[in-house]
Amino acid sequence: MTAAQFLIRASEKILGHYQFLLDTAKSEHERETYAKRIEQERRILDRLLAESDQPARAA
């Protein structure tokens, strides 16, 4: 497993945890907080996926 694959898998796992927390949130404040974190993590995951699709550059 490459570092990029590891980060993608970790990001997907984090999204799952935040989704669970969102689904079980008891207050509107908690729901807003978890929804924002999910959106942030989705942006991170999208960036990781885009970078992993690009061919490796020579250093």
N, C-alpha and C. Protein backbone atom coordinates (compact mmCIF):
# COMPACT_ATOMS: atom_id res chain seq x y z
N MET A 1 0.86 -1.18 0.00
CA MET A 1 0.00 0.00 0.00
C MET A 1 0.90 1.24 0.00
N THR A 2 0.62 2.12 -0.93
CA THR A 2 1.39 3.36 -1.00
C THR A 2 0.90 4.35 0.06
N ALA A 3 1.68 5.38 0.26
CA ALA A 3 1.30 6.41 1.23
C ALA A 3 -0.02 7.07 0.82
N ALA A 4 -0.17 7.32 -0.48
CA ALA A 4 -1.41 7.95 -0.97
C ALA A 4 -2.61 7.04 -0.71
N GLN A 5 -2.45 5.75 -0.97
CA GLN A 5 -3.55 4.81 -0.72
C GLN A 5 -3.90 4.76 0.76
N PHE A 6 -2.89 4.80 1.60
CA PHE A 6 -3.11 4.80 3.05
C PHE A 6 -3.90 6.04 3.47
N LEU A 7 -3.50 7.20 2.95
CA LEU A 7 -4.19 8.45 3.30
C LEU A 7 -5.63 8.46 2.79
N ILE A 8 -5.85 7.92 1.60
CA ILE A 8 -7.20 7.85 1.06
C ILE A 8 -8.06 6.95 1.92
N ARG A 9 -7.53 5.80 2.28
CA ARG A 9 -8.29 4.86 3.13
C ARG A 9 -8.59 5.48 4.49
N ALA A 10 -7.61 6.16 5.06
CA ALA A 10 -7.81 6.81 6.36
C ALA A 10 -8.88 7.90 6.26
N SER A 11 -8.85 8.67 5.20
CA SER A 11 -9.83 9.73 5.00
C SER A 11 -11.23 9.15 4.87
N GLU A 12 -11.36 8.05 4.14
CA GLU A 12 -12.67 7.40 4.00
C GLU A 12 -13.17 6.89 5.36
N LYS A 13 -12.26 6.38 6.16
CA LYS A 13 -12.62 5.89 7.48
C LYS A 13 -13.08 7.04 8.39
N ILE A 14 -12.37 8.15 8.32
CA ILE A 14 -12.74 9.33 9.09
C ILE A 14 -14.13 9.81 8.69
N LEU A 15 -14.40 9.82 7.38
CA LEU A 15 -15.73 10.22 6.91
C LEU A 15 -16.81 9.32 7.50
N GLY A 16 -16.56 8.04 7.57
CA GLY A 16 -17.52 7.11 8.16
C GLY A 16 -17.78 7.40 9.62
N HIS A 17 -16.72 7.71 10.36
CA HIS A 17 -16.88 8.04 11.78
C HIS A 17 -17.68 9.33 11.96
N TYR A 18 -17.34 10.35 11.16
CA TYR A 18 -18.09 11.60 11.26
C TYR A 18 -19.54 11.41 10.86
N GLN A 19 -19.80 10.58 9.88
CA GLN A 19 -21.19 10.33 9.47
C GLN A 19 -21.97 9.67 10.60
N PHE A 20 -21.34 8.72 11.30
CA PHE A 20 -21.97 8.09 12.45
C PHE A 20 -22.28 9.13 13.52
N LEU A 21 -21.30 9.99 13.80
CA LEU A 21 -21.52 11.03 14.80
C LEU A 21 -22.64 11.98 14.38
N LEU A 22 -22.69 12.32 13.10
CA LEU A 22 -23.76 13.18 12.60
C LEU A 22 -25.11 12.50 12.76
N ASP A 23 -25.17 11.22 12.44
CA ASP A 23 -26.43 10.47 12.53
C ASP A 23 -26.93 10.34 13.96
N THR A 24 -26.02 10.38 14.92
CA THR A 24 -26.40 10.19 16.33
C THR A 24 -26.32 11.48 17.14
N ALA A 25 -26.09 12.61 16.48
CA ALA A 25 -25.97 13.89 17.18
C ALA A 25 -27.27 14.22 17.91
N LYS A 26 -27.12 14.78 19.09
CA LYS A 26 -28.28 15.08 19.92
C LYS A 26 -28.72 16.54 19.82
N SER A 27 -27.87 17.39 19.30
CA SER A 27 -28.24 18.81 19.22
C SER A 27 -27.95 19.35 17.82
N GLU A 28 -28.56 20.45 17.52
CA GLU A 28 -28.35 21.10 16.22
C GLU A 28 -26.90 21.56 16.09
N HIS A 29 -26.33 22.03 17.20
CA HIS A 29 -24.93 22.47 17.19
C HIS A 29 -24.00 21.31 16.81
N GLU A 30 -24.22 20.14 17.40
CA GLU A 30 -23.42 18.96 17.06
C GLU A 30 -23.59 18.60 15.58
N ARG A 31 -24.82 18.63 15.09
CA ARG A 31 -25.06 18.29 13.69
C ARG A 31 -24.33 19.26 12.75
N GLU A 32 -24.37 20.53 13.08
CA GLU A 32 -23.67 21.52 12.25
C GLU A 32 -22.17 21.29 12.28
N THR A 33 -21.64 21.00 13.45
CA THR A 33 -20.20 20.77 13.60
C THR A 33 -19.77 19.56 12.77
N TYR A 34 -20.48 18.45 12.90
CA TYR A 34 -20.11 17.25 12.16
C TYR A 34 -20.32 17.41 10.67
N ALA A 35 -21.35 18.12 10.27
CA ALA A 35 -21.58 18.36 8.84
C ALA A 35 -20.42 19.17 8.24
N LYS A 36 -19.93 20.17 8.99
CA LYS A 36 -18.79 20.97 8.51
C LYS A 36 -17.54 20.11 8.41
N ARG A 37 -17.32 19.26 9.40
CA ARG A 37 -16.14 18.40 9.37
C ARG A 37 -16.21 17.39 8.23
N ILE A 38 -17.41 16.89 7.95
CA ILE A 38 -17.58 15.96 6.83
C ILE A 38 -17.23 16.68 5.53
N GLU A 39 -17.70 17.89 5.37
CA GLU A 39 -17.41 18.65 4.16
C GLU A 39 -15.91 18.91 4.02
N GLN A 40 -15.24 19.24 5.11
CA GLN A 40 -13.79 19.45 5.08
C GLN A 40 -13.07 18.16 4.68
N GLU A 41 -13.48 17.07 5.28
CA GLU A 41 -12.82 15.79 5.00
C GLU A 41 -13.09 15.34 3.56
N ARG A 42 -14.27 15.64 3.04
CA ARG A 42 -14.56 15.31 1.63
C ARG A 42 -13.65 16.10 0.69
N ARG A 43 -13.40 17.36 1.02
CA ARG A 43 -12.47 18.16 0.19
C ARG A 43 -11.07 17.56 0.23
N ILE A 44 -10.65 17.13 1.41
CA ILE A 44 -9.34 16.50 1.55
C ILE A 44 -9.29 15.22 0.71
N LEU A 45 -10.34 14.40 0.83
CA LEU A 45 -10.38 13.15 0.08
C LEU A 45 -10.38 13.42 -1.43
N ASP A 46 -11.16 14.38 -1.87
CA ASP A 46 -11.19 14.73 -3.29
C ASP A 46 -9.79 15.14 -3.78
N ARG A 47 -9.09 15.93 -2.97
CA ARG A 47 -7.73 16.36 -3.33
C ARG A 47 -6.78 15.16 -3.40
N LEU A 48 -6.89 14.27 -2.42
CA LEU A 48 -6.03 13.08 -2.42
C LEU A 48 -6.30 12.22 -3.65
N LEU A 49 -7.58 12.05 -3.98
CA LEU A 49 -7.93 11.24 -5.16
C LEU A 49 -7.42 11.88 -6.44
N ALA A 50 -7.54 13.19 -6.54
CA ALA A 50 -7.06 13.89 -7.74
C ALA A 50 -5.55 13.76 -7.86
N GLU A 51 -4.85 13.89 -6.74
CA GLU A 51 -3.40 13.78 -6.77
C GLU A 51 -2.95 12.36 -7.08
N SER A 52 -3.69 11.38 -6.63
CA SER A 52 -3.30 9.99 -6.89
C SER A 52 -3.55 9.59 -8.34
N ASP A 53 -4.43 10.33 -9.02
CA ASP A 53 -4.71 10.06 -10.43
C ASP A 53 -3.65 10.64 -11.35
N GLN A 54 -2.91 11.63 -10.85
CA GLN A 54 -1.88 12.25 -11.66
C GLN A 54 -0.65 11.34 -11.71
N PRO A 55 0.03 11.30 -12.84
CA PRO A 55 1.25 10.48 -12.92
C PRO A 55 2.31 11.05 -11.98
N ALA A 56 3.11 10.17 -11.44
CA ALA A 56 4.18 10.61 -10.53
C ALA A 56 5.17 11.46 -11.29
N ARG A 57 5.61 12.52 -10.62
CA ARG A 57 6.59 13.43 -11.24
C ARG A 57 7.99 13.03 -10.78
N ALA A 58 8.93 13.24 -11.65
CA ALA A 58 10.33 12.99 -11.28
C ALA A 58 10.80 14.14 -10.40
N ALA A 59 11.53 13.82 -9.36
CA ALA A 59 12.00 14.86 -8.43
C ALA A 59 13.24 15.52 -8.94
